PDB file of N, CA and C in Angstrom:
ATOM      1  N   MET A   1      36.954  24.881 -10.508  1.00  0.00           N
ATOM      2  CA  MET A   1      36.054  23.941 -10.776  1.00  0.00           C
ATOM      3  C   MET A   1      34.518  24.540 -10.348  1.00  0.00           C
ATOM      4  N   LYS A   2      33.597  24.775 -11.370  1.00  0.00           N
ATOM      5  CA  LYS A   2      32.509  25.406 -10.485  1.00  0.00           C
ATOM      6  C   LYS A   2      31.452  23.810 -10.066  1.00  0.00           C
ATOM      7  N   LYS A   3      30.672  24.188  -8.837  1.00  0.00           N
ATOM      8  CA  LYS A   3      30.115  23.186  -8.225  1.00  0.00           C
ATOM      9  C   LYS A   3      28.691  23.150  -8.888  1.00  0.00           C
ATOM     10  N   ARG A   4      28.239  22.071  -9.045  1.00  0.00           N
ATOM     11  CA  ARG A   4      26.848  22.005  -9.748  1.00  0.00           C
ATOM     12  C   ARG A   4      25.539  22.226  -8.550  1.00  0.00           C
ATOM     13  N   PRO A   5      24.638  23.102  -8.715  1.00  0.00           N
ATOM     14  CA  PRO A   5      23.611  22.969  -7.341  1.00  0.00           C
ATOM     15  C   PRO A   5      22.562  21.611  -7.435  1.00  0.00           C
ATOM     16  N   ILE A   6      22.691  20.898  -6.227  1.00  0.00           N
ATOM     17  CA  ILE A   6      21.881  20.002  -5.969  1.00  0.00           C
ATOM     18  C   ILE A   6      20.507  20.210  -6.476  1.00  0.00           C
ATOM     19  N   GLN A   7      20.120  19.403  -6.943  1.00  0.00           N
ATOM     20  CA  GLN A   7      18.705  19.410  -7.257  1.00  0.00           C
ATOM     21  C   GLN A   7      17.444  18.639  -6.364  1.00  0.00           C
ATOM     22  N   ARG A   8      16.635  19.011  -5.759  1.00  0.00           N
ATOM     23  CA  ARG A   8      15.903  18.416  -5.122  1.00  0.00           C
ATOM     24  C   ARG A   8      14.859  17.205  -5.578  1.00  0.00           C
ATOM     25  N   GLY A   9      14.372  16.294  -5.163  1.00  0.00           N
ATOM     26  CA  GLY A   9      13.474  15.541  -5.914  1.00  0.00           C
ATOM     27  C   GLY A   9      14.267  13.774  -6.818  1.00  0.00           C
ATOM     28  N   ARG A  10      13.782  13.241  -7.298  1.00  0.00           N
ATOM     29  CA  ARG A  10      14.195  11.908  -7.930  1.00  0.00           C
ATOM     30  C   ARG A  10      14.973  12.179  -9.168  1.00  0.00           C
ATOM     31  N   PRO A  11      15.896  11.490  -9.570  1.00  0.00           N
ATOM     32  CA  PRO A  11      16.567  12.210 -10.659  1.00  0.00           C
ATOM     33  C   PRO A  11      15.657  11.840 -11.743  1.00  0.00           C
ATOM     34  N   THR A  12      15.619  12.021 -13.103  1.00  0.00           N
ATOM     35  CA  THR A  12      14.824  12.284 -14.223  1.00  0.00           C
ATOM     36  C   THR A  12      14.652  10.630 -14.795  1.00  0.00           C
ATOM     37  N   GLY A  13      13.500  10.290 -15.166  1.00  0.00           N
ATOM     38  CA  GLY A  13      13.393   8.947 -15.534  1.00  0.00           C
ATOM     39  C   GLY A  13      13.209   7.837 -14.098  1.00  0.00           C
ATOM     40  N   ALA A  14      13.533   8.358 -13.303  1.00  0.00           N
ATOM     41  CA  ALA A  14      13.386   7.690 -11.913  1.00  0.00           C
ATOM     42  C   ALA A  14      12.016   7.255 -11.480  1.00  0.00           C
ATOM     43  N   THR A  15      11.873   6.282 -11.031  1.00  0.00           N
ATOM     44  CA  THR A  15      10.297   5.920 -10.296  1.00  0.00           C
ATOM     45  C   THR A  15      10.458   5.031  -9.329  1.00  0.00           C
ATOM     46  N   THR A  16       9.633   5.231  -8.293  1.00  0.00           N
ATOM     47  CA  THR A  16       9.251   4.185  -6.995  1.00  0.00           C
ATOM     48  C   THR A  16       8.321   3.479  -7.141  1.00  0.00           C
ATOM     49  N   TYR A  17       7.302   3.743  -8.134  1.00  0.00           N
ATOM     50  CA  TYR A  17       6.221   2.839  -8.417  1.00  0.00           C
ATOM     51  C   TYR A  17       6.179   1.818  -9.207  1.00  0.00           C
ATOM     52  N   GLU A  18       5.370   0.655  -8.638  1.00  0.00           N
ATOM     53  CA  GLU A  18       5.622  -0.358  -9.487  1.00  0.00           C
ATOM     54  C   GLU A  18       4.514  -0.712  -9.451  1.00  0.00           C
ATOM     55  N   ALA A  19       3.608  -1.430 -10.323  1.00  0.00           N
ATOM     56  CA  ALA A  19       2.120  -1.087 -10.399  1.00  0.00           C
ATOM     57  C   ALA A  19       1.812  -2.805 -10.090  1.00  0.00           C
ATOM     58  N   GLU A  20       2.457  -3.622 -10.519  1.00  0.00           N
ATOM     59  CA  GLU A  20       2.128  -5.289  -9.558  1.00  0.00           C
ATOM     60  C   GLU A  20       2.198  -5.353  -8.255  1.00  0.00           C
ATOM     61  N   PRO A  21       3.030  -4.939  -7.546  1.00  0.00           N
ATOM     62  CA  PRO A  21       2.991  -5.124  -6.046  1.00  0.00           C
ATOM     63  C   PRO A  21       2.305  -3.914  -5.616  1.00  0.00           C
ATOM     64  N   ALA A  22       1.929  -2.980  -6.037  1.00  0.00           N
ATOM     65  CA  ALA A  22       1.209  -2.093  -5.450  1.00  0.00           C
ATOM     66  C   ALA A  22      -0.388  -2.945  -5.666  1.00  0.00           C
ATOM     67  N   ARG A  23      -0.869  -3.067  -6.682  1.00  0.00           N
ATOM     68  CA  ARG A  23      -2.104  -3.870  -7.040  1.00  0.00           C
ATOM     69  C   ARG A  23      -2.267  -5.352  -5.970  1.00  0.00           C
ATOM     70  N   ALA A  24      -1.291  -5.957  -6.065  1.00  0.00           N
ATOM     71  CA  ALA A  24      -1.290  -7.053  -4.739  1.00  0.00           C
ATOM     72  C   ALA A  24      -1.285  -6.953  -3.663  1.00  0.00           C
ATOM     73  N   PHE A  25      -0.781  -5.709  -2.998  1.00  0.00           N
ATOM     74  CA  PHE A  25      -0.993  -5.277  -1.634  1.00  0.00           C
ATOM     75  C   PHE A  25      -2.259  -4.798  -1.714  1.00  0.00           C
ATOM     76  N   GLY A  26      -2.741  -4.032  -2.539  1.00  0.00           N
ATOM     77  CA  GLY A  26      -4.220  -3.554  -2.408  1.00  0.00           C
ATOM     78  C   GLY A  26      -5.146  -4.675  -2.351  1.00  0.00           C
ATOM     79  N   GLU A  27      -5.150  -5.685  -2.991  1.00  0.00           N
ATOM     80  CA  GLU A  27      -5.691  -6.891  -3.319  1.00  0.00           C
ATOM     81  C   GLU A  27      -5.883  -7.517  -1.904  1.00  0.00           C
ATOM     82  N   ALA A  28      -4.788  -7.795  -1.292  1.00  0.00           N
ATOM     83  CA  ALA A  28      -4.227  -8.223  -0.021  1.00  0.00           C
ATOM     84  C   ALA A  28      -5.109  -7.358   0.981  1.00  0.00           C
ATOM     85  N   VAL A  29      -5.466  -6.156   0.897  1.00  0.00           N
ATOM     86  CA  VAL A  29      -5.993  -5.301   2.259  1.00  0.00           C
ATOM     87  C   VAL A  29      -7.359  -5.185   1.877  1.00  0.00           C
ATOM     88  N   ARG A  30      -7.814  -5.039   0.585  1.00  0.00           N
ATOM     89  CA  ARG A  30      -9.159  -5.364   0.498  1.00  0.00           C
ATOM     90  C   ARG A  30     -10.007  -6.722   1.014  1.00  0.00           C
ATOM     91  N   ALA A  31      -8.901  -7.594   0.457  1.00  0.00           N
ATOM     92  CA  ALA A  31      -9.641  -9.052   0.884  1.00  0.00           C
ATOM     93  C   ALA A  31      -9.942  -9.505   2.722  1.00  0.00           C
ATOM     94  N   LEU A  32      -8.681  -9.067   3.113  1.00  0.00           N
ATOM     95  CA  LEU A  32      -8.901  -9.208   4.527  1.00  0.00           C
ATOM     96  C   LEU A  32      -9.906  -8.541   5.230  1.00  0.00           C
ATOM     97  N   ARG A  33      -9.864  -6.779   4.599  1.00  0.00           N
ATOM     98  CA  ARG A  33     -11.079  -5.878   5.291  1.00  0.00           C
ATOM     99  C   ARG A  33     -12.290  -6.504   5.034  1.00  0.00           C
ATOM    100  N   THR A  34     -12.724  -7.038   3.752  1.00  0.00           N
ATOM    101  CA  THR A  34     -13.844  -7.575   3.845  1.00  0.00           C
ATOM    102  C   THR A  34     -14.326  -9.092   4.267  1.00  0.00           C
ATOM    103  N   GLU A  35     -13.392  -9.828   4.391  1.00  0.00           N
ATOM    104  CA  GLU A  35     -13.171 -10.621   5.266  1.00  0.00           C
ATOM    105  C   GLU A  35     -13.857 -10.625   6.819  1.00  0.00           C
ATOM    106  N   ARG A  36     -13.384  -9.419   7.288  1.00  0.00           N
ATOM    107  CA  ARG A  36     -13.585  -9.202   8.640  1.00  0.00           C
ATOM    108  C   ARG A  36     -14.552  -8.143   8.758  1.00  0.00           C
ATOM    109  N   GLY A  37     -15.178  -7.673   7.653  1.00  0.00           N
ATOM    110  CA  GLY A  37     -16.632  -7.344   7.256  1.00  0.00           C
ATOM    111  C   GLY A  37     -16.696  -5.715   7.899  1.00  0.00           C
ATOM    112  N   VAL A  38     -15.343  -5.110   7.606  1.00  0.00           N
ATOM    113  CA  VAL A  38     -15.106  -3.909   7.760  1.00  0.00           C
ATOM    114  C   VAL A  38     -15.123  -2.751   6.716  1.00  0.00           C
ATOM    115  N   ALA A  39     -15.939  -1.719   6.911  1.00  0.00           N
ATOM    116  CA  ALA A  39     -16.335  -1.035   5.487  1.00  0.00           C
ATOM    117  C   ALA A  39     -15.097  -0.225   5.512  1.00  0.00           C
ATOM    118  N   GLN A  40     -14.875   0.436   4.277  1.00  0.00           N
ATOM    119  CA  GLN A  40     -13.395   1.130   3.833  1.00  0.00           C
ATOM    120  C   GLN A  40     -13.100   2.438   4.935  1.00  0.00           C
ATOM    121  N   GLU A  41     -14.414   2.830   4.867  1.00  0.00           N
ATOM    122  CA  GLU A  41     -14.427   4.283   5.535  1.00  0.00           C
ATOM    123  C   GLU A  41     -14.125   4.418   6.640  1.00  0.00           C
ATOM    124  N   THR A  42     -14.632   3.040   7.712  1.00  0.00           N
ATOM    125  CA  THR A  42     -14.202   2.607   8.870  1.00  0.00           C
ATOM    126  C   THR A  42     -12.691   2.349   9.429  1.00  0.00           C
ATOM    127  N   LEU A  43     -12.176   1.742   7.712  1.00  0.00           N
ATOM    128  CA  LEU A  43     -10.781   1.148   8.092  1.00  0.00           C
ATOM    129  C   LEU A  43     -10.040   2.271   7.904  1.00  0.00           C
ATOM    130  N   ALA A  44     -10.502   3.309   7.243  1.00  0.00           N
ATOM    131  CA  ALA A  44      -9.537   4.558   6.854  1.00  0.00           C
ATOM    132  C   ALA A  44      -9.526   5.243   8.252  1.00  0.00           C
ATOM    133  N   HIS A  45     -10.543   5.213   8.873  1.00  0.00           N
ATOM    134  CA  HIS A  45     -11.029   6.064  10.488  1.00  0.00           C
ATOM    135  C   HIS A  45      -9.754   5.511  11.400  1.00  0.00           C
ATOM    136  N   LEU A  46      -9.766   4.112  11.239  1.00  0.00           N
ATOM    137  CA  LEU A  46      -8.930   3.190  12.316  1.00  0.00           C
ATOM    138  C   LEU A  46      -7.554   3.344  12.085  1.00  0.00           C
ATOM    139  N   ALA A  47      -7.134   3.771  10.671  1.00  0.00           N
ATOM    140  CA  ALA A  47      -5.841   3.660  10.305  1.00  0.00           C
ATOM    141  C   ALA A  47      -5.286   5.229  10.299  1.00  0.00           C
ATOM    142  N   ASP A  48      -6.296   6.004  10.449  1.00  0.00           N
ATOM    143  CA  ASP A  48      -5.839   7.521  10.262  1.00  0.00           C
ATOM    144  C   ASP A  48      -5.313   8.071   9.418  1.00  0.00           C
ATOM    145  N   VAL A  49      -6.246   7.524   7.950  1.00  0.00           N
ATOM    146  CA  VAL A  49      -5.869   7.729   6.660  1.00  0.00           C
ATOM    147  C   VAL A  49      -6.896   8.636   5.945  1.00  0.00           C
ATOM    148  N   GLU A  50      -6.969   9.118   4.970  1.00  0.00           N
ATOM    149  CA  GLU A  50      -7.953   9.531   4.201  1.00  0.00           C
ATOM    150  C   GLU A  50      -8.385   8.599   3.382  1.00  0.00           C
ATOM    151  N   ARG A  51     -10.105   8.462   3.512  1.00  0.00           N
ATOM    152  CA  ARG A  51     -10.595   7.327   2.797  1.00  0.00           C
ATOM    153  C   ARG A  51     -10.298   7.158   1.412  1.00  0.00           C
ATOM    154  N   SER A  52     -10.251   8.189   0.424  1.00  0.00           N
ATOM    155  CA  SER A  52      -9.669   8.324  -1.008  1.00  0.00           C
ATOM    156  C   SER A  52      -8.258   7.676  -1.085  1.00  0.00           C
ATOM    157  N   HIS A  53      -7.565   8.085   0.103  1.00  0.00           N
ATOM    158  CA  HIS A  53      -6.251   7.267   0.031  1.00  0.00           C
ATOM    159  C   HIS A  53      -6.032   6.007   0.000  1.00  0.00           C
ATOM    160  N   LEU A  54      -6.993   5.683   0.840  1.00  0.00           N
ATOM    161  CA  LEU A  54      -7.439   3.919   1.235  1.00  0.00           C
ATOM    162  C   LEU A  54      -7.759   3.294   0.034  1.00  0.00           C
ATOM    163  N   GLY A  55      -8.704   4.023  -0.565  1.00  0.00           N
ATOM    164  CA  GLY A  55      -9.386   3.506  -1.828  1.00  0.00           C
ATOM    165  C   GLY A  55      -8.054   3.367  -3.121  1.00  0.00           C
ATOM    166  N   LYS A  56      -7.264   4.565  -3.243  1.00  0.00           N
ATOM    167  CA  LYS A  56      -6.242   4.085  -4.275  1.00  0.00           C
ATOM    168  C   LYS A  56      -5.132   3.197  -3.616  1.00  0.00           C
ATOM    169  N   VAL A  57      -5.166   3.181  -2.547  1.00  0.00           N
ATOM    170  CA  VAL A  57      -4.075   1.949  -1.972  1.00  0.00           C
ATOM    171  C   VAL A  57      -5.011   0.432  -2.620  1.00  0.00           C
ATOM    172  N   GLU A  58      -6.083   0.343  -2.440  1.00  0.00           N
ATOM    173  CA  GLU A  58      -6.860  -0.638  -2.478  1.00  0.00           C
ATOM    174  C   GLU A  58      -6.620  -1.167  -3.854  1.00  0.00           C
ATOM    175  N   ARG A  59      -6.693  -0.180  -4.875  1.00  0.00           N
ATOM    176  CA  ARG A  59      -7.153  -0.207  -6.124  1.00  0.00           C
ATOM    177  C   ARG A  59      -5.538  -0.354  -6.840  1.00  0.00           C
ATOM    178  N   GLY A  60      -4.660  -0.542  -6.143  1.00  0.00           N
ATOM    179  CA  GLY A  60      -3.397  -0.337  -6.558  1.00  0.00           C
ATOM    180  C   GLY A  60      -2.819   1.037  -7.031  1.00  0.00           C
ATOM    181  N   GLU A  61      -3.231   2.094  -6.806  1.00  0.00           N
ATOM    182  CA  GLU A  61      -3.000   3.118  -7.761  1.00  0.00           C
ATOM    183  C   GLU A  61      -1.939   3.994  -6.870  1.00  0.00           C
ATOM    184  N   HIS A  62      -1.734   3.772  -5.628  1.00  0.00           N
ATOM    185  CA  HIS A  62      -0.839   3.947  -4.704  1.00  0.00           C
ATOM    186  C   HIS A  62      -0.016   3.059  -4.251  1.00  0.00           C
ATOM    187  N   MET A  63       1.669   3.718  -4.069  1.00  0.00           N
ATOM    188  CA  MET A  63       2.437   2.462  -3.477  1.00  0.00           C
ATOM    189  C   MET A  63       2.409   3.056  -2.192  1.00  0.00           C
ATOM    190  N   PRO A  64       2.141   1.746  -0.829  1.00  0.00           N
ATOM    191  CA  PRO A  64       1.953   2.429   0.247  1.00  0.00           C
ATOM    192  C   PRO A  64       3.507   2.679   1.212  1.00  0.00           C
ATOM    193  N   THR A  65       3.641   3.339   1.662  1.00  0.00           N
ATOM    194  CA  THR A  65       4.630   3.692   2.473  1.00  0.00           C
ATOM    195  C   THR A  65       4.801   2.648   3.696  1.00  0.00           C
ATOM    196  N   LEU A  66       5.905   2.377   4.253  1.00  0.00           N
ATOM    197  CA  LEU A  66       6.228   1.530   5.523  1.00  0.00           C
ATOM    198  C   LEU A  66       5.168   1.839   6.538  1.00  0.00           C
ATOM    199  N   ALA A  67       5.018   3.179   6.956  1.00  0.00           N
ATOM    200  CA  ALA A  67       4.232   3.517   8.005  1.00  0.00           C
ATOM    201  C   ALA A  67       2.760   3.220   7.555  1.00  0.00           C
ATOM    202  N   LEU A  68       2.330   3.387   6.436  1.00  0.00           N
ATOM    203  CA  LEU A  68       1.020   3.229   6.166  1.00  0.00           C
ATOM    204  C   LEU A  68       0.572   1.866   6.185  1.00  0.00           C
ATOM    205  N   ILE A  69       1.788   0.720   5.750  1.00  0.00           N
ATOM    206  CA  ILE A  69       1.661  -0.365   5.680  1.00  0.00           C
ATOM    207  C   ILE A  69       1.138  -0.772   7.213  1.00  0.00           C
ATOM    208  N   LEU A  70       1.961  -0.047   8.034  1.00  0.00           N
ATOM    209  CA  LEU A  70       1.964  -0.676   9.606  1.00  0.00           C
ATOM    210  C   LEU A  70       0.738  -0.204  10.279  1.00  0.00           C
ATOM    211  N   LYS A  71       0.188   1.120   9.914  1.00  0.00           N
ATOM    212  CA  LYS A  71      -1.076   1.697  10.147  1.00  0.00           C
ATOM    213  C   LYS A  71      -2.257   0.773   9.948  1.00  0.00           C
ATOM    214  N   ILE A  72      -2.104   0.498   8.548  1.00  0.00           N
ATOM    215  CA  ILE A  72      -3.338  -0.618   8.064  1.00  0.00           C
ATOM    216  C   ILE A  72      -3.338  -1.931   8.593  1.00  0.00           C
ATOM    217  N   ALA A  73      -2.115  -2.430   8.782  1.00  0.00           N
ATOM    218  CA  ALA A  73      -1.772  -3.590   9.632  1.00  0.00           C
ATOM    219  C   ALA A  73      -2.751  -3.651  10.894  1.00  0.00           C
ATOM    220  N   ARG A  74      -2.112  -2.537  11.902  1.00  0.00           N
ATOM    221  CA  ARG A  74      -2.877  -2.548  13.228  1.00  0.00           C
ATOM    222  C   ARG A  74      -4.174  -2.212  13.150  1.00  0.00           C
ATOM    223  N   ALA A  75      -4.764  -1.297  12.232  1.00  0.00           N
ATOM    224  CA  ALA A  75      -6.170  -1.159  12.261  1.00  0.00           C
ATOM    225  C   ALA A  75      -7.186  -2.497  11.492  1.00  0.00           C
ATOM    226  N   LEU A  76      -6.294  -3.367  10.827  1.00  0.00           N
ATOM    227  CA  LEU A  76      -7.106  -4.834  10.808  1.00  0.00           C
ATOM    228  C   LEU A  76      -6.794  -5.926  11.798  1.00  0.00           C
ATOM    229  N   GLU A  77      -5.838  -5.133  12.901  1.00  0.00           N
ATOM    230  CA  GLU A  77      -5.927  -6.536  13.844  1.00  0.00           C
ATOM    231  C   GLU A  77      -5.032  -7.545  13.525  1.00  0.00           C
ATOM    232  N   CYS A  78      -3.888  -7.330  12.263  1.00  0.00           N
ATOM    233  CA  CYS A  78      -3.145  -8.336  12.101  1.00  0.00           C
ATOM    234  C   CYS A  78      -1.544  -7.948  11.860  1.00  0.00           C
ATOM    235  N   SER A  79      -0.554  -8.819  11.911  1.00  0.00           N
ATOM    236  CA  SER A  79       0.658  -8.406  11.774  1.00  0.00           C
ATOM    237  C   SER A  79       1.005  -7.906  10.194  1.00  0.00           C
ATOM    238  N   SER A  80       1.825  -6.815   9.819  1.00  0.00           N
ATOM    239  CA  SER A  80       2.148  -6.488   8.864  1.00  0.00           C
ATOM    240  C   SER A  80       3.265  -7.801   7.629  1.00  0.00           C
ATOM    241  N   ALA A  81       3.426  -8.655   8.595  1.00  0.00           N
ATOM    242  CA  ALA A  81       4.121  -9.537   7.861  1.00  0.00           C
ATOM    243  C   ALA A  81       2.801 -10.690   7.377  1.00  0.00           C
ATOM    244  N   GLU A  82       1.672 -10.681   7.967  1.00  0.00           N
ATOM    245  CA  GLU A  82       0.783 -11.431   7.159  1.00  0.00           C
ATOM    246  C   GLU A  82       0.381 -10.896   6.157  1.00  0.00           C
ATOM    247  N   LEU A  83      -0.026  -9.324   6.061  1.00  0.00           N
ATOM    248  CA  LEU A  83      -0.439  -8.600   4.810  1.00  0.00           C
ATOM    249  C   LEU A  83       1.032  -8.815   3.967  1.00  0.00           C
ATOM    250  N   MET A  84       2.205  -8.846   4.323  1.00  0.00           N
ATOM    251  CA  MET A  84       3.140  -8.796   3.139  1.00  0.00           C
ATOM    252  C   MET A  84       3.246 -10.515   2.499  1.00  0.00           C
ATOM    253  N   ALA A  85       3.001 -11.393   3.494  1.00  0.00           N
ATOM    254  CA  ALA A  85       2.826 -12.845   3.006  1.00  0.00           C
ATOM    255  C   ALA A  85       1.555 -12.855   1.843  1.00  0.00           C
ATOM    256  N   ASP A  86       0.698 -12.232   2.302  1.00  0.00           N
ATOM    257  CA  ASP A  86      -0.621 -12.527   1.556  1.00  0.00           C
ATOM    258  C   ASP A  86      -0.241 -11.775   0.097  1.00  0.00           C
ATOM    259  N   THR A  87       0.500 -10.545   0.028  1.00  0.00           N
ATOM    260  CA  THR A  87       0.910  -9.708  -1.160  1.00  0.00           C
ATOM    261  C   THR A  87       2.002 -10.427  -1.851  1.00  0.00           C
ATOM    262  N   GLU A  88       2.781 -11.278  -1.257  1.00  0.00           N
ATOM    263  CA  GLU A  88       3.543 -11.955  -1.910  1.00  0.00           C
ATOM    264  C   GLU A  88       3.211 -13.359  -2.616  1.00  0.00           C
ATOM    265  N   ARG A  89       1.955 -13.994  -1.887  1.00  0.00           N
ATOM    266  CA  ARG A  89       1.231 -15.025  -2.829  1.00  0.00           C
ATOM    267  C   ARG A  89       0.309 -14.550  -3.777  1.00  0.00           C
ATOM    268  N   ARG A  90      -0.244 -13.487  -4.200  1.00  0.00           N
ATOM    269  CA  ARG A  90      -0.652 -12.897  -4.983  1.00  0.00           C
ATOM    270  C   ARG A  90       0.303 -12.441  -6.332  1.00  0.00           C
ATOM    271  N   LEU A  91       1.334 -11.954  -5.444  1.00  0.00           N
ATOM    272  CA  LEU A  91       2.381 -11.720  -6.582  1.00  0.00           C
ATOM    273  C   LEU A  91       3.068 -13.411  -7.502  1.00  0.00           C
ATOM    274  N   ALA A  92       2.656 -14.392  -6.880  1.00  0.00           N
ATOM    275  CA  ALA A  92       3.188 -15.635  -7.332  1.00  0.00           C
ATOM    276  C   ALA A  92       2.264 -16.209  -8.162  1.00  0.00           C
ATOM    277  N   ASN A  93       1.349 -15.765  -7.653  1.00  0.00           N
ATOM    278  CA  ASN A  93      -0.273 -16.206  -8.217  1.00  0.00           C
ATOM    279  C   ASN A  93      -1.096 -15.179  -8.866  1.00  0.00           C
ATOM    280  N   PRO A  94      -0.962 -14.877  -9.740  1.00  0.00           N
ATOM    281  CA  PRO A  94      -1.722 -13.648 -10.388  1.00  0.00           C
ATOM    282  C   PRO A  94      -3.445 -14.070 -10.390  1.00  0.00           C
ATOM    283  N   GLU A  95      -3.535 -15.132 -10.589  1.00  0.00           N
ATOM    284  CA  GLU A  95      -4.840 -15.489 -11.033  1.00  0.00           C
ATOM    285  C   GLU A  95      -5.655 -15.685  -9.552  1.00  0.00           C
ATOM    286  N   SER A  96      -5.050 -15.757  -9.069  1.00  0.00           N
ATOM    287  CA  SER A  96      -5.723 -16.217  -7.625  1.00  0.00           C
ATOM    288  C   SER A  96      -6.309 -14.910  -6.586  1.00  0.00           C
TER     289      SER A  96
END
């Protein structure tokens, strides 16, 4: 029996990006950042990420990794649980 070669990457049609949670998380980050009076560029520097990438996260264009969530939370001087709770509130109440 001939073995099939292992293909790298995701299976065809698989996706890890879901727009609603990404958008809700981005809104939570932006709200906390503006509430604290921190510029996006400053937050990006504190979190050690590119400003353009942080902008895409805030707009919900990129799904953040766990490592990025932790970096952003630390830079905002809050817990990742606080960010995730706000994200969950935004998912439950999309109008708010």
